[in-house]
Amino acid sequence: MSTMNISLPDTLKSFVDEQVSERGYGTSSEYVRELIRKDQDRLQLRGLLLAGAASNPTAPADAGYFEGLRNRMHRGAKARARR
């Protein structure tokens, strides 16, 4: 694992220390790693949303579409229950 040193103003360091203490992190590094992972997830989701927005439209997601999804889920659940 690599090491990275960062400088924070006192107010931000206090905030990080509070978060570590109140939210059960063992160290400030664990807290920062969690923030970075969440940011990676956010960027990935943003990319997926932008790709979806740029894609060609398909069938509308109307009441019939959602009813079909529910029916498939129920059939899948019944099939798994029989196993």
PDB file of N, CA and C in Angstrom:
ATOM      1  N   MET A   1       0.843  -1.163   0.000  1.00  0.00           N
ATOM      2  CA  MET A   1       0.000   0.000   0.000  1.00  0.00           C
ATOM      3  C   MET A   1       0.892   1.231   0.000  1.00  0.00           C
ATOM      4  N   SER A   2       0.547   2.206  -0.789  1.00  0.00           N
ATOM      5  CA  SER A   2       1.314   3.449  -0.868  1.00  0.00           C
ATOM      6  C   SER A   2       0.864   4.418   0.214  1.00  0.00           C
ATOM      7  N   THR A   3       1.732   5.366   0.506  1.00  0.00           N
ATOM      8  CA  THR A   3       1.432   6.388   1.501  1.00  0.00           C
ATOM      9  C   THR A   3       1.297   7.729   0.802  1.00  0.00           C
ATOM     10  N   MET A   4       0.336   8.531   1.268  1.00  0.00           N
ATOM     11  CA  MET A   4       0.140   9.872   0.743  1.00  0.00           C
ATOM     12  C   MET A   4      -0.051  10.802   1.929  1.00  0.00           C
ATOM     13  N   ASN A   5       0.689  11.865   1.953  1.00  0.00           N
ATOM     14  CA  ASN A   5       0.544  12.850   3.018  1.00  0.00           C
ATOM     15  C   ASN A   5      -0.259  14.022   2.488  1.00  0.00           C
ATOM     16  N   ILE A   6      -1.220  14.479   3.269  1.00  0.00           N
ATOM     17  CA  ILE A   6      -2.011  15.641   2.876  1.00  0.00           C
ATOM     18  C   ILE A   6      -1.982  16.666   4.000  1.00  0.00           C
ATOM     19  N   SER A   7      -2.150  17.907   3.624  1.00  0.00           N
ATOM     20  CA  SER A   7      -2.212  18.988   4.610  1.00  0.00           C
ATOM     21  C   SER A   7      -3.641  19.495   4.681  1.00  0.00           C
ATOM     22  N   LEU A   8      -4.130  19.666   5.898  1.00  0.00           N
ATOM     23  CA  LEU A   8      -5.487  20.154   6.110  1.00  0.00           C
ATOM     24  C   LEU A   8      -5.462  21.340   7.054  1.00  0.00           C
ATOM     25  N   PRO A   9      -6.361  22.295   6.823  1.00  0.00           N
ATOM     26  CA  PRO A   9      -6.504  23.341   7.830  1.00  0.00           C
ATOM     27  C   PRO A   9      -7.023  22.719   9.128  1.00  0.00           C
ATOM     28  N   ASP A  10      -6.814  23.383  10.221  1.00  0.00           N
ATOM     29  CA  ASP A  10      -7.227  22.850  11.527  1.00  0.00           C
ATOM     30  C   ASP A  10      -8.708  22.491  11.563  1.00  0.00           C
ATOM     31  N   THR A  11      -9.548  23.305  10.921  1.00  0.00           N
ATOM     32  CA  THR A  11     -10.997  23.026  10.953  1.00  0.00           C
ATOM     33  C   THR A  11     -11.315  21.708  10.263  1.00  0.00           C
ATOM     34  N   LEU A  12     -10.664  21.434   9.127  1.00  0.00           N
ATOM     35  CA  LEU A  12     -10.921  20.167   8.438  1.00  0.00           C
ATOM     36  C   LEU A  12     -10.339  18.986   9.200  1.00  0.00           C
ATOM     37  N   LYS A  13      -9.177  19.148   9.778  1.00  0.00           N
ATOM     38  CA  LYS A  13      -8.602  18.068  10.580  1.00  0.00           C
ATOM     39  C   LYS A  13      -9.515  17.739  11.751  1.00  0.00           C
ATOM     40  N   SER A  14     -10.061  18.759  12.397  1.00  0.00           N
ATOM     41  CA  SER A  14     -10.996  18.525  13.506  1.00  0.00           C
ATOM     42  C   SER A  14     -12.223  17.772  13.019  1.00  0.00           C
ATOM     43  N   PHE A  15     -12.713  18.159  11.853  1.00  0.00           N
ATOM     44  CA  PHE A  15     -13.877  17.479  11.294  1.00  0.00           C
ATOM     45  C   PHE A  15     -13.571  16.007  11.035  1.00  0.00           C
ATOM     46  N   VAL A  16     -12.431  15.732  10.423  1.00  0.00           N
ATOM     47  CA  VAL A  16     -12.039  14.348  10.142  1.00  0.00           C
ATOM     48  C   VAL A  16     -11.909  13.567  11.443  1.00  0.00           C
ATOM     49  N   ASP A  17     -11.265  14.153  12.427  1.00  0.00           N
ATOM     50  CA  ASP A  17     -11.105  13.478  13.725  1.00  0.00           C
ATOM     51  C   ASP A  17     -12.459  13.159  14.348  1.00  0.00           C
ATOM     52  N   GLU A  18     -13.417  14.082  14.239  1.00  0.00           N
ATOM     53  CA  GLU A  18     -14.766  13.833  14.765  1.00  0.00           C
ATOM     54  C   GLU A  18     -15.438  12.685  14.028  1.00  0.00           C
ATOM     55  N   GLN A  19     -15.301  12.668  12.703  1.00  0.00           N
ATOM     56  CA  GLN A  19     -15.924  11.606  11.920  1.00  0.00           C
ATOM     57  C   GLN A  19     -15.328  10.248  12.259  1.00  0.00           C
ATOM     58  N   VAL A  20     -14.031  10.204  12.428  1.00  0.00           N
ATOM     59  CA  VAL A  20     -13.360   8.953  12.792  1.00  0.00           C
ATOM     60  C   VAL A  20     -13.892   8.459  14.124  1.00  0.00           C
ATOM     61  N   SER A  21     -14.009   9.360  15.074  1.00  0.00           N
ATOM     62  CA  SER A  21     -14.463   9.002  16.415  1.00  0.00           C
ATOM     63  C   SER A  21     -15.940   8.613  16.432  1.00  0.00           C
ATOM     64  N   GLU A  22     -16.775   9.417  15.798  1.00  0.00           N
ATOM     65  CA  GLU A  22     -18.226   9.219  15.880  1.00  0.00           C
ATOM     66  C   GLU A  22     -18.736   8.102  14.988  1.00  0.00           C
ATOM     67  N   ARG A  23     -18.049   7.835  13.901  1.00  0.00           N
ATOM     68  CA  ARG A  23     -18.563   6.863  12.931  1.00  0.00           C
ATOM     69  C   ARG A  23     -17.828   5.538  12.965  1.00  0.00           C
ATOM     70  N   GLY A  24     -16.938   5.360  13.941  1.00  0.00           N
ATOM     71  CA  GLY A  24     -16.327   4.060  14.160  1.00  0.00           C
ATOM     72  C   GLY A  24     -15.170   3.695  13.257  1.00  0.00           C
ATOM     73  N   TYR A  25     -14.553   4.656  12.628  1.00  0.00           N
ATOM     74  CA  TYR A  25     -13.361   4.353  11.842  1.00  0.00           C
ATOM     75  C   TYR A  25     -12.186   4.174  12.791  1.00  0.00           C
ATOM     76  N   GLY A  26     -11.260   3.327  12.422  1.00  0.00           N
ATOM     77  CA  GLY A  26     -10.088   3.111  13.253  1.00  0.00           C
ATOM     78  C   GLY A  26      -9.056   4.216  13.124  1.00  0.00           C
ATOM     79  N   THR A  27      -8.961   4.754  11.905  1.00  0.00           N
ATOM     80  CA  THR A  27      -7.979   5.805  11.638  1.00  0.00           C
ATOM     81  C   THR A  27      -8.555   6.798  10.639  1.00  0.00           C
ATOM     82  N   SER A  28      -7.891   7.935  10.536  1.00  0.00           N
ATOM     83  CA  SER A  28      -8.306   8.915   9.540  1.00  0.00           C
ATOM     84  C   SER A  28      -8.084   8.369   8.129  1.00  0.00           C
ATOM     85  N   SER A  29      -7.094   7.502   7.956  1.00  0.00           N
ATOM     86  CA  SER A  29      -6.861   6.887   6.644  1.00  0.00           C
ATOM     87  C   SER A  29      -8.057   6.052   6.203  1.00  0.00           C
ATOM     88  N   GLU A  30      -8.645   5.309   7.132  1.00  0.00           N
ATOM     89  CA  GLU A  30      -9.839   4.518   6.793  1.00  0.00           C
ATOM     90  C   GLU A  30     -10.970   5.429   6.333  1.00  0.00           C
ATOM     91  N   TYR A  31     -11.143   6.538   7.025  1.00  0.00           N
ATOM     92  CA  TYR A  31     -12.193   7.490   6.670  1.00  0.00           C
ATOM     93  C   TYR A  31     -11.951   8.068   5.276  1.00  0.00           C
ATOM     94  N   VAL A  32     -10.733   8.478   4.988  1.00  0.00           N
ATOM     95  CA  VAL A  32     -10.409   9.061   3.680  1.00  0.00           C
ATOM     96  C   VAL A  32     -10.555   8.014   2.582  1.00  0.00           C
ATOM     97  N   ARG A  33     -10.133   6.776   2.828  1.00  0.00           N
ATOM     98  CA  ARG A  33     -10.318   5.717   1.834  1.00  0.00           C
ATOM     99  C   ARG A  33     -11.792   5.519   1.524  1.00  0.00           C
ATOM    100  N   GLU A  34     -12.627   5.549   2.556  1.00  0.00           N
ATOM    101  CA  GLU A  34     -14.073   5.408   2.352  1.00  0.00           C
ATOM    102  C   GLU A  34     -14.611   6.546   1.483  1.00  0.00           C
ATOM    103  N   LEU A  35     -14.170   7.768   1.743  1.00  0.00           N
ATOM    104  CA  LEU A  35     -14.604   8.906   0.929  1.00  0.00           C
ATOM    105  C   LEU A  35     -14.176   8.736  -0.523  1.00  0.00           C
ATOM    106  N   ILE A  36     -12.960   8.271  -0.736  1.00  0.00           N
ATOM    107  CA  ILE A  36     -12.465   8.086  -2.097  1.00  0.00           C
ATOM    108  C   ILE A  36     -13.264   7.000  -2.804  1.00  0.00           C
ATOM    109  N   ARG A  37     -13.546   5.894  -2.119  1.00  0.00           N
ATOM    110  CA  ARG A  37     -14.357   4.820  -2.725  1.00  0.00           C
ATOM    111  C   ARG A  37     -15.744   5.336  -3.099  1.00  0.00           C
ATOM    112  N   LYS A  38     -16.347   6.119  -2.220  1.00  0.00           N
ATOM    113  CA  LYS A  38     -17.672   6.669  -2.522  1.00  0.00           C
ATOM    114  C   LYS A  38     -17.612   7.605  -3.718  1.00  0.00           C
ATOM    115  N   ASP A  39     -16.548   8.375  -3.832  1.00  0.00           N
ATOM    116  CA  ASP A  39     -16.396   9.261  -4.978  1.00  0.00           C
ATOM    117  C   ASP A  39     -16.218   8.453  -6.264  1.00  0.00           C
ATOM    118  N   GLN A  40     -15.458   7.355  -6.196  1.00  0.00           N
ATOM    119  CA  GLN A  40     -15.314   6.474  -7.361  1.00  0.00           C
ATOM    120  C   GLN A  40     -16.672   5.923  -7.776  1.00  0.00           C
ATOM    121  N   ASP A  41     -17.465   5.467  -6.804  1.00  0.00           N
ATOM    122  CA  ASP A  41     -18.803   4.953  -7.092  1.00  0.00           C
ATOM    123  C   ASP A  41     -19.673   6.024  -7.738  1.00  0.00           C
ATOM    124  N   ARG A  42     -19.591   7.254  -7.196  1.00  0.00           N
ATOM    125  CA  ARG A  42     -20.385   8.360  -7.729  1.00  0.00           C
ATOM    126  C   ARG A  42     -19.996   8.641  -9.178  1.00  0.00           C
ATOM    127  N   LEU A  43     -18.701   8.644  -9.467  1.00  0.00           N
ATOM    128  CA  LEU A  43     -18.247   8.894 -10.833  1.00  0.00           C
ATOM    129  C   LEU A  43     -18.666   7.776 -11.776  1.00  0.00           C
ATOM    130  N   GLN A  44     -18.621   6.529 -11.302  1.00  0.00           N
ATOM    131  CA  GLN A  44     -19.059   5.412 -12.134  1.00  0.00           C
ATOM    132  C   GLN A  44     -20.558   5.533 -12.431  1.00  0.00           C
ATOM    133  N   LEU A  45     -21.345   5.845 -11.415  1.00  0.00           N
ATOM    134  CA  LEU A  45     -22.782   6.010 -11.617  1.00  0.00           C
ATOM    135  C   LEU A  45     -23.058   7.158 -12.581  1.00  0.00           C
ATOM    136  N   ARG A  46     -22.330   8.254 -12.431  1.00  0.00           N
ATOM    137  CA  ARG A  46     -22.496   9.399 -13.335  1.00  0.00           C
ATOM    138  C   ARG A  46     -22.216   8.976 -14.776  1.00  0.00           C
ATOM    139  N   GLY A  47     -21.142   8.210 -14.969  1.00  0.00           N
ATOM    140  CA  GLY A  47     -20.815   7.724 -16.306  1.00  0.00           C
ATOM    141  C   GLY A  47     -21.919   6.849 -16.886  1.00  0.00           C
ATOM    142  N   LEU A  48     -22.466   5.969 -16.057  1.00  0.00           N
ATOM    143  CA  LEU A  48     -23.556   5.108 -16.518  1.00  0.00           C
ATOM    144  C   LEU A  48     -24.798   5.918 -16.869  1.00  0.00           C
ATOM    145  N   LEU A  49     -25.104   6.919 -16.053  1.00  0.00           N
ATOM    146  CA  LEU A  49     -26.264   7.769 -16.328  1.00  0.00           C
ATOM    147  C   LEU A  49     -26.077   8.564 -17.613  1.00  0.00           C
ATOM    148  N   LEU A  50     -24.878   9.094 -17.817  1.00  0.00           N
ATOM    149  CA  LEU A  50     -24.613   9.840 -19.046  1.00  0.00           C
ATOM    150  C   LEU A  50     -24.678   8.930 -20.265  1.00  0.00           C
ATOM    151  N   ALA A  51     -24.143   7.705 -20.131  1.00  0.00           N
ATOM    152  CA  ALA A  51     -24.214   6.747 -21.242  1.00  0.00           C
ATOM    153  C   ALA A  51     -25.667   6.399 -21.543  1.00  0.00           C
ATOM    154  N   GLY A  52     -26.459   6.213 -20.500  1.00  0.00           N
ATOM    155  CA  GLY A  52     -27.871   5.915 -20.703  1.00  0.00           C
ATOM    156  C   GLY A  52     -28.611   7.072 -21.349  1.00  0.00           C
ATOM    157  N   ALA A  53     -28.297   8.282 -20.928  1.00  0.00           N
ATOM    158  CA  ALA A  53     -28.950   9.458 -21.505  1.00  0.00           C
ATOM    159  C   ALA A  53     -28.578   9.633 -22.972  1.00  0.00           C
ATOM    160  N   ALA A  54     -27.368   9.216 -23.347  1.00  0.00           N
ATOM    161  CA  ALA A  54     -26.912   9.365 -24.728  1.00  0.00           C
ATOM    162  C   ALA A  54     -27.355   8.207 -25.618  1.00  0.00           C
ATOM    163  N   SER A  55     -27.881   7.142 -25.038  1.00  0.00           N
ATOM    164  CA  SER A  55     -28.261   5.971 -25.830  1.00  0.00           C
ATOM    165  C   SER A  55     -29.600   6.203 -26.530  1.00  0.00           C
ATOM    166  N   ASN A  56     -29.844   5.363 -27.525  1.00  0.00           N
ATOM    167  CA  ASN A  56     -31.105   5.454 -28.259  1.00  0.00           C
ATOM    168  C   ASN A  56     -32.262   5.020 -27.374  1.00  0.00           C
ATOM    169  N   PRO A  57     -33.396   5.686 -27.493  1.00  0.00           N
ATOM    170  CA  PRO A  57     -34.562   5.300 -26.688  1.00  0.00           C
ATOM    171  C   PRO A  57     -35.052   3.905 -27.069  1.00  0.00           C
ATOM    172  N   THR A  58     -35.602   3.229 -26.086  1.00  0.00           N
ATOM    173  CA  THR A  58     -36.205   1.916 -26.322  1.00  0.00           C
ATOM    174  C   THR A  58     -37.681   2.021 -25.975  1.00  0.00           C
ATOM    175  N   ALA A  59     -38.274   0.919 -25.631  1.00  0.00           N
ATOM    176  CA  ALA A  59     -39.695   0.917 -25.277  1.00  0.00           C
ATOM    177  C   ALA A  59     -39.919   1.794 -24.038  1.00  0.00           C
ATOM    178  N   PRO A  60     -41.047   2.459 -23.977  1.00  0.00           N
ATOM    179  CA  PRO A  60     -41.319   3.328 -22.824  1.00  0.00           C
ATOM    180  C   PRO A  60     -41.478   2.521 -21.535  1.00  0.00           C
ATOM    181  N   ALA A  61     -41.058   3.109 -20.438  1.00  0.00           N
ATOM    182  CA  ALA A  61     -41.212   2.470 -19.128  1.00  0.00           C
ATOM    183  C   ALA A  61     -42.550   2.914 -18.555  1.00  0.00           C
ATOM    184  N   ASP A  62     -43.610   2.315 -19.073  1.00  0.00           N
ATOM    185  CA  ASP A  62     -44.956   2.649 -18.626  1.00  0.00           C
ATOM    186  C   ASP A  62     -45.469   1.573 -17.674  1.00  0.00           C
ATOM    187  N   ALA A  63     -46.726   1.619 -17.346  1.00  0.00           N
ATOM    188  CA  ALA A  63     -47.314   0.655 -16.397  1.00  0.00           C
ATOM    189  C   ALA A  63     -47.146  -0.784 -16.889  1.00  0.00           C
ATOM    190  N   GLY A  64     -47.303  -1.008 -18.190  1.00  0.00           N
ATOM    191  CA  GLY A  64     -47.148  -2.348 -18.741  1.00  0.00           C
ATOM    192  C   GLY A  64     -45.728  -2.872 -18.591  1.00  0.00           C
ATOM    193  N   TYR A  65     -44.761  -1.998 -18.765  1.00  0.00           N
ATOM    194  CA  TYR A  65     -43.361  -2.380 -18.596  1.00  0.00           C
ATOM    195  C   TYR A  65     -43.104  -2.858 -17.177  1.00  0.00           C
ATOM    196  N   PHE A  66     -43.567  -2.084 -16.195  1.00  0.00           N
ATOM    197  CA  PHE A  66     -43.340  -2.456 -14.798  1.00  0.00           C
ATOM    198  C   PHE A  66     -44.144  -3.692 -14.398  1.00  0.00           C
ATOM    199  N   GLU A  67     -45.307  -3.875 -14.977  1.00  0.00           N
ATOM    200  CA  GLU A  67     -46.081  -5.094 -14.709  1.00  0.00           C
ATOM    201  C   GLU A  67     -45.332  -6.312 -15.231  1.00  0.00           C
ATOM    202  N   GLY A  68     -44.719  -6.192 -16.395  1.00  0.00           N
ATOM    203  CA  GLY A  68     -43.914  -7.281 -16.945  1.00  0.00           C
ATOM    204  C   GLY A  68     -42.725  -7.608 -16.051  1.00  0.00           C
ATOM    205  N   LEU A  69     -42.072  -6.571 -15.514  1.00  0.00           N
ATOM    206  CA  LEU A  69     -40.963  -6.805 -14.583  1.00  0.00           C
ATOM    207  C   LEU A  69     -41.432  -7.552 -13.344  1.00  0.00           C
ATOM    208  N   ARG A  70     -42.560  -7.126 -12.801  1.00  0.00           N
ATOM    209  CA  ARG A  70     -43.098  -7.808 -11.611  1.00  0.00           C
ATOM    210  C   ARG A  70     -43.403  -9.267 -11.909  1.00  0.00           C
ATOM    211  N   ASN A  71     -44.004  -9.522 -13.056  1.00  0.00           N
ATOM    212  CA  ASN A  71     -44.342 -10.902 -13.428  1.00  0.00           C
ATOM    213  C   ASN A  71     -43.077 -11.759 -13.557  1.00  0.00           C
ATOM    214  N   ARG A  72     -42.034 -11.224 -14.178  1.00  0.00           N
ATOM    215  CA  ARG A  72     -40.786 -11.979 -14.305  1.00  0.00           C
ATOM    216  C   ARG A  72     -40.170 -12.252 -12.937  1.00  0.00           C
ATOM    217  N   MET A  73     -40.225 -11.282 -12.049  1.00  0.00           N
ATOM    218  CA  MET A  73     -39.678 -11.467 -10.701  1.00  0.00           C
ATOM    219  C   MET A  73     -40.448 -12.554  -9.948  1.00  0.00           C
ATOM    220  N   HIS A  74     -41.768 -12.522 -10.067  1.00  0.00           N
ATOM    221  CA  HIS A  74     -42.583 -13.538  -9.380  1.00  0.00           C
ATOM    222  C   HIS A  74     -42.305 -14.934  -9.939  1.00  0.00           C
ATOM    223  N   ARG A  75     -42.203 -15.043 -11.266  1.00  0.00           N
ATOM    224  CA  ARG A  75     -41.895 -16.347 -11.868  1.00  0.00           C
ATOM    225  C   ARG A  75     -40.520 -16.833 -11.421  1.00  0.00           C
ATOM    226  N   GLY A  76     -39.538 -15.946 -11.368  1.00  0.00           N
ATOM    227  CA  GLY A  76     -38.206 -16.326 -10.922  1.00  0.00           C
ATOM    228  C   GLY A  76     -38.185 -16.766  -9.466  1.00  0.00           C
ATOM    229  N   ALA A  77     -38.951 -16.055  -8.624  1.00  0.00           N
ATOM    230  CA  ALA A  77     -39.019 -16.414  -7.209  1.00  0.00           C
ATOM    231  C   ALA A  77     -39.671 -17.778  -7.034  1.00  0.00           C
ATOM    232  N   LYS A  78     -40.728 -18.044  -7.809  1.00  0.00           N
ATOM    233  CA  LYS A  78     -41.395 -19.351  -7.713  1.00  0.00           C
ATOM    234  C   LYS A  78     -40.465 -20.471  -8.171  1.00  0.00           C
ATOM    235  N   ALA A  79     -39.705 -20.222  -9.235  1.00  0.00           N
ATOM    236  CA  ALA A  79     -38.765 -21.232  -9.739  1.00  0.00           C
ATOM    237  C   ALA A  79     -37.682 -21.519  -8.714  1.00  0.00           C
ATOM    238  N   ARG A  80     -37.179 -20.505  -8.038  1.00  0.00           N
ATOM    239  CA  ARG A  80     -36.147 -20.710  -7.014  1.00  0.00           C
ATOM    240  C   ARG A  80     -36.731 -21.444  -5.799  1.00  0.00           C
ATOM    241  N   ALA A  81     -37.979 -21.183  -5.478  1.00  0.00           N
ATOM    242  CA  ALA A  81     -38.612 -21.819  -4.314  1.00  0.00           C
ATOM    243  C   ALA A  81     -38.816 -23.319  -4.566  1.00  0.00           C
ATOM    244  N   ARG A  82     -39.003 -23.708  -5.808  1.00  0.00           N
ATOM    245  CA  ARG A  82     -39.220 -25.117  -6.134  1.00  0.00           C
ATOM    246  C   ARG A  82     -37.929 -25.937  -6.061  1.00  0.00           C
ATOM    247  N   ARG A  83     -36.796 -25.283  -6.086  1.00  0.00           N
ATOM    248  CA  ARG A  83     -35.508 -26.009  -6.097  1.00  0.00           C
ATOM    249  C   ARG A  83     -35.205 -26.576  -4.762  1.00  0.00           C
TER     250      ARG A  83
END
